[in-house]
Amino acid sequence: MTLLLPWSRACNVGVQAMDDQHAIMMDTMNELRLLLVGGARPAAADELLKKLIEFTRMHFWSEEQLLEQHGFPGLAGHRAEHQRLLAQLQESVRRLQRGEAVHRGDLLCFLHDWFVGHVEGLDQQYGTWLNEHGVY
């Protein structure tokens, strides 16, 4: 059974630009899940993982700029969490490029747990904070 990430109210942080970007990330993760579970060629998974990394990098930059612009007090911790995720994703791509085994289940669980924990947990803090400062 393939468990896809479902969009729910818990995914909304209340800042439209970030919610839109989170939805794109979720769609890309779900597409990657379907490819990996469906036994797609490694090159196809590699390309989609690269796409996910590039979009995630852009999203993190955008999110951090917004938080910095409005003086969000938790920015340093948020930025560290972003760097941790990108490092893990980039290591998965390097392993795929070297022809090493990347345990699909581990990667999919990591992406799922990270997305749920980050967007439904950590990002909620800045959503409420930005809303209180007039950013929607």
Protein backbone atom coordinates (compact mmCIF):
# COMPACT_ATOMS: atom_id res chain seq x y z
CA MET A 1 0.00 0.00 0.00
CA THR A 2 1.31 3.44 -0.90
CA LEU A 3 0.62 6.06 1.72
CA LEU A 4 0.66 9.50 0.20
CA LEU A 5 0.97 12.70 2.14
CA PRO A 6 -2.54 14.14 2.46
CA TRP A 7 -3.21 17.87 2.54
CA SER A 8 -5.09 18.85 5.66
CA ARG A 9 -5.84 21.96 7.68
CA ALA A 10 -2.80 21.14 9.80
CA CYS A 11 -0.62 21.84 6.73
CA ASN A 12 -1.81 25.44 6.49
CA VAL A 13 0.44 27.95 8.21
CA GLY A 14 -1.79 30.89 7.31
CA VAL A 15 0.69 32.59 4.95
CA GLN A 16 -0.54 32.02 1.39
CA ALA A 17 2.84 32.01 -0.36
CA MET A 18 4.23 29.44 2.08
CA ASP A 19 1.08 27.31 1.95
CA ASP A 20 1.27 27.26 -1.85
CA GLN A 21 4.94 26.23 -1.77
CA HIS A 22 4.26 23.55 0.84
CA ALA A 23 1.56 22.12 -1.44
CA ILE A 24 4.04 21.91 -4.33
CA MET A 25 6.58 20.17 -2.08
CA MET A 26 3.92 17.71 -0.94
CA ASP A 27 2.88 16.96 -4.53
CA THR A 28 6.52 16.37 -5.51
CA MET A 29 7.11 14.08 -2.52
CA ASN A 30 3.98 12.13 -3.41
CA GLU A 31 5.14 11.82 -7.01
CA LEU A 32 8.53 10.57 -5.79
CA ARG A 33 6.81 8.06 -3.51
CA LEU A 34 4.77 6.71 -6.43
CA LEU A 35 7.89 6.43 -8.59
CA LEU A 36 9.93 4.63 -5.94
CA VAL A 37 7.16 2.27 -4.87
CA GLY A 38 6.35 1.56 -8.52
CA GLY A 39 9.92 0.46 -9.20
CA ALA A 40 10.80 3.31 -11.55
CA ARG A 41 14.23 3.47 -13.17
CA PRO A 42 16.84 4.95 -10.83
CA ALA A 43 17.42 7.84 -13.26
CA ALA A 44 13.76 8.90 -13.03
CA ALA A 45 13.85 8.87 -9.22
CA ASP A 46 17.20 10.70 -9.29
CA GLU A 47 15.78 13.48 -11.48
CA LEU A 48 12.67 13.90 -9.35
CA LEU A 49 14.74 13.93 -6.16
CA LYS A 50 16.94 16.67 -7.69
CA LYS A 51 13.80 18.62 -8.58
CA LEU A 52 12.55 18.24 -5.01
CA ILE A 53 15.89 19.47 -3.64
CA GLU A 54 15.96 22.52 -5.91
CA PHE A 55 12.38 23.48 -5.11
CA THR A 56 12.95 22.85 -1.41
CA ARG A 57 16.10 25.01 -1.48
CA MET A 58 14.11 27.84 -3.13
CA HIS A 59 11.28 27.43 -0.63
CA PHE A 60 13.62 27.51 2.35
CA TRP A 61 15.32 30.64 1.03
CA SER A 62 11.93 32.29 0.49
CA GLU A 63 10.72 31.27 3.95
CA GLU A 64 13.91 32.44 5.65
CA GLN A 65 13.80 35.79 3.84
CA LEU A 66 10.22 36.32 5.00
CA LEU A 67 11.09 35.40 8.58
CA GLU A 68 14.18 37.62 8.55
CA GLN A 69 12.26 40.55 7.05
CA HIS A 70 9.72 40.40 9.86
CA GLY A 71 12.17 39.67 12.68
CA PHE A 72 10.96 36.17 13.56
CA PRO A 73 12.74 35.23 16.81
CA GLY A 74 13.08 31.51 15.95
CA LEU A 75 14.87 32.05 12.63
CA ALA A 76 18.23 30.51 13.64
CA GLY A 77 16.67 27.20 14.69
CA HIS A 78 14.45 27.16 11.65
CA ARG A 79 17.42 27.74 9.36
CA ALA A 80 19.37 24.91 11.05
CA GLU A 81 16.47 22.52 10.48
CA HIS A 82 16.40 23.52 6.81
CA GLN A 83 20.12 22.84 6.45
CA ARG A 84 19.74 19.42 8.08
CA LEU A 85 17.04 18.37 5.62
CA LEU A 86 18.92 19.60 2.56
CA ALA A 87 22.08 17.78 3.66
CA GLN A 88 20.18 14.51 4.02
CA LEU A 89 18.45 14.92 0.65
CA GLN A 90 21.73 15.76 -1.09
CA GLU A 91 23.38 12.68 0.42
CA SER A 92 20.59 10.53 -1.03
CA VAL A 93 21.23 12.00 -4.49
CA ARG A 94 25.00 11.42 -4.18
CA ARG A 95 24.39 7.79 -3.20
CA LEU A 96 22.05 7.30 -6.17
CA GLN A 97 24.62 8.87 -8.51
CA ARG A 98 27.35 6.55 -7.22
CA GLY A 99 25.06 3.59 -7.84
CA GLU A 100 24.77 2.82 -4.14
CA ALA A 101 21.60 1.45 -2.68
CA VAL A 102 19.30 4.04 -1.20
CA HIS A 103 16.76 2.29 0.94
CA ARG A 104 13.52 3.55 -0.54
CA GLY A 105 11.50 2.92 2.60
CA ASP A 106 13.94 4.88 4.74
CA LEU A 107 13.96 7.82 2.33
CA LEU A 108 10.17 7.86 2.05
CA CYS A 109 9.72 7.62 5.82
CA PHE A 110 12.22 10.43 6.34
CA LEU A 111 10.44 12.69 3.84
CA HIS A 112 7.04 11.93 5.33
CA ASP A 113 8.15 12.42 8.93
CA TRP A 114 10.10 15.56 8.10
CA PHE A 115 7.26 17.15 6.15
CA VAL A 116 4.63 16.38 8.78
CA GLY A 117 6.87 17.39 11.68
CA HIS A 118 8.19 20.51 10.04
CA VAL A 119 5.12 21.91 8.32
CA GLU A 120 2.55 20.78 10.87
CA GLY A 121 4.84 21.55 13.80
CA LEU A 122 7.71 24.00 13.43
CA ASP A 123 6.18 26.09 10.64
CA GLN A 124 3.01 26.61 12.65
CA GLN A 125 5.05 28.76 15.06
CA TYR A 126 6.02 31.24 12.39
CA GLY A 127 2.58 31.15 10.78
CA THR A 128 0.90 32.36 13.94
CA TRP A 129 3.70 34.83 14.61
CA LEU A 130 3.58 36.31 11.08
CA ASN A 131 -0.23 36.52 11.19
CA GLU A 132 0.05 38.48 14.43
CA HIS A 133 2.38 40.85 12.54
CA GLY A 134 -0.03 41.33 9.62
CA VAL A 135 1.41 38.79 7.16
CA TYR A 136 -1.10 36.40 5.59
